[in-house]
Amino acid sequence: MSQVFIDWAGRLRAGDASLNAISKARTGDPVTLTHEQGRWWVRDLFDPTV
């Protein structure tokens, strides 16, 4: 856990697709965590990166 970077969204520019996906997420929405090419991704039900 010491290597998990969780404040990345605060570094994105306005209008970024990830910020849009985060803004639509609600408590209880299903998400998946995947590991691809050495990076971790949080994806929602419709598969955009959150």
Protein backbone atom coordinates (compact mmCIF):
# COMPACT_ATOMS: atom_id res chain seq x y z
CA MET A 1 0.00 0.00 0.00
CA SER A 2 2.91 2.39 0.47
CA GLN A 3 3.25 2.57 -3.32
CA VAL A 4 -0.38 3.37 -4.13
CA PHE A 5 -0.77 6.86 -5.56
CA ILE A 6 -4.30 8.05 -4.77
CA ASP A 7 -4.13 11.79 -5.33
CA TRP A 8 -3.53 11.57 -9.09
CA ALA A 9 -6.99 12.95 -9.89
CA GLY A 10 -6.13 16.23 -8.21
CA ARG A 11 -3.36 16.69 -10.77
CA LEU A 12 -5.58 16.34 -13.85
CA ARG A 13 -6.76 19.26 -15.97
CA ALA A 14 -10.40 20.31 -16.10
CA GLY A 15 -12.30 18.34 -18.72
CA ASP A 16 -10.19 15.19 -18.35
CA ALA A 17 -12.21 12.02 -19.02
CA SER A 18 -11.18 10.53 -15.67
CA LEU A 19 -12.51 13.56 -13.77
CA ASN A 20 -15.78 13.25 -15.67
CA ALA A 21 -16.06 9.56 -14.73
CA ILE A 22 -15.24 10.31 -11.09
CA SER A 23 -17.87 13.05 -10.93
CA LYS A 24 -20.54 10.59 -12.11
CA ALA A 25 -19.57 7.86 -9.63
CA ARG A 26 -21.85 7.33 -6.66
CA THR A 27 -21.39 5.48 -3.39
CA GLY A 28 -22.12 1.81 -3.98
CA ASP A 29 -21.42 1.86 -7.73
CA PRO A 30 -19.57 -1.30 -8.77
CA VAL A 31 -15.95 -0.85 -9.86
CA THR A 32 -13.18 -3.22 -10.83
CA LEU A 33 -9.46 -2.97 -10.19
CA THR A 34 -7.23 -4.27 -12.97
CA HIS A 35 -3.48 -4.49 -13.41
CA GLU A 36 -2.30 -3.77 -16.94
CA GLN A 37 1.22 -3.16 -18.20
CA GLY A 38 2.55 -2.53 -14.71
CA ARG A 39 -0.18 -0.03 -13.75
CA TRP A 40 -3.38 -0.32 -11.73
CA TRP A 41 -6.68 0.94 -13.14
CA VAL A 42 -10.04 1.53 -11.46
CA ARG A 43 -12.85 1.04 -13.95
CA ASP A 44 -16.57 1.49 -13.52
CA LEU A 45 -19.43 -0.62 -14.83
CA PHE A 46 -19.16 0.91 -18.30
CA ASP A 47 -15.37 0.36 -18.37
CA PRO A 48 -14.04 3.93 -18.48
CA THR A 49 -11.10 4.53 -16.22
CA VAL A 50 -12.22 6.22 -13.03
